[in-house]
Amino acid sequence: MAKLKIKTIVEKCEGCNQIVDKEDGLYCKSYADPSIMWKDDTCIRASHVKRAIASIETKINPLKASKRAARGG
């Protein structure tokens, strides 16, 4: 069985609470190769990144809205 090669963190990981400081470098607690998680510019375990939530505005049909208001719902 091959031993898994654990790689050090990348620059984008700095500030995350998943980092472990060992004597030979900084490593991620969650991933053996953190650079793979940042290939799409998003790491799902990154605690230091604020994710924007897109607000979804739905258009309401005025005819349906008036019918709902008329029946009290």
Protein backbone atom coordinates (compact mmCIF):
# COMPACT_ATOMS: atom_id res chain seq x y z
CA MET A 1 0.00 0.00 0.00
CA ALA A 2 1.43 3.39 -1.02
CA LYS A 3 1.85 6.05 1.61
CA LEU A 4 -0.07 9.27 0.95
CA LYS A 5 2.18 12.29 0.36
CA ILE A 6 0.90 15.20 2.42
CA LYS A 7 1.66 18.61 0.93
CA THR A 8 2.00 21.99 2.63
CA ILE A 9 -0.68 24.65 2.39
CA VAL A 10 -0.89 27.16 -0.44
CA GLU A 11 -0.98 30.95 -0.07
CA LYS A 12 -4.79 31.08 -0.28
CA CYS A 13 -5.04 28.87 2.82
CA GLU A 14 -3.42 31.41 5.13
CA GLY A 15 -5.81 32.55 7.84
CA CYS A 16 -7.88 29.36 7.88
CA ASN A 17 -8.55 27.54 11.16
CA GLN A 18 -7.86 24.17 9.49
CA ILE A 19 -4.08 24.80 9.46
CA VAL A 20 -1.79 22.67 11.60
CA ASP A 21 1.72 23.93 12.40
CA LYS A 22 4.29 21.11 12.32
CA GLU A 23 8.04 21.47 12.60
CA ASP A 24 8.58 21.05 8.86
CA GLY A 25 5.77 23.36 7.64
CA LEU A 26 2.09 24.26 7.71
CA TYR A 27 -0.43 21.59 6.75
CA CYS A 28 -4.20 21.36 6.29
CA LYS A 29 -6.14 19.17 8.75
CA SER A 30 -8.73 18.28 6.11
CA TYR A 31 -6.86 17.73 2.85
CA ALA A 32 -3.58 16.05 1.93
CA ASP A 33 -3.13 18.37 -1.07
CA PRO A 34 -4.80 21.76 -0.41
CA SER A 35 -3.89 23.12 -3.85
CA ILE A 36 -6.46 20.80 -5.44
CA MET A 37 -9.24 22.36 -3.36
CA TRP A 38 -8.31 25.87 -4.57
CA LYS A 39 -8.22 25.06 -8.30
CA ASP A 40 -11.71 26.59 -8.74
CA ASP A 41 -10.92 29.46 -6.34
CA THR A 42 -13.15 27.96 -3.66
CA CYS A 43 -12.23 25.62 -0.84
CA ILE A 44 -15.31 24.29 0.93
CA ARG A 45 -13.48 24.06 4.28
CA ALA A 46 -12.00 27.58 4.18
CA SER A 47 -13.06 29.30 7.40
CA HIS A 48 -11.48 32.63 6.50
CA VAL A 49 -13.43 33.19 3.27
CA LYS A 50 -16.78 34.94 3.37
CA ARG A 51 -19.17 33.56 0.82
CA ALA A 52 -21.69 35.87 -0.78
CA ILE A 53 -25.24 34.64 -0.92
CA ALA A 54 -26.98 35.69 -4.08
CA SER A 55 -30.38 37.17 -3.46
CA ILE A 56 -33.02 35.84 -5.75
CA GLU A 57 -35.75 38.21 -6.75
CA THR A 58 -38.80 36.49 -8.10
CA LYS A 59 -41.28 38.33 -10.19
CA ILE A 60 -44.82 38.06 -8.99
CA ASN A 61 -47.58 37.88 -11.50
CA PRO A 62 -49.86 40.86 -10.65
CA LEU A 63 -53.02 38.94 -11.58
CA LYS A 64 -52.16 36.05 -9.24
CA ALA A 65 -51.15 38.48 -6.49
CA SER A 66 -54.48 40.27 -6.67
CA LYS A 67 -56.38 36.97 -6.54
CA ARG A 68 -54.39 35.89 -3.48
CA ALA A 69 -55.07 39.22 -1.77
CA ALA A 70 -58.79 38.95 -2.56
CA ARG A 71 -59.10 35.53 -0.94
CA GLY A 72 -57.00 36.57 2.07
CA GLY A 73 -53.92 34.42 1.41
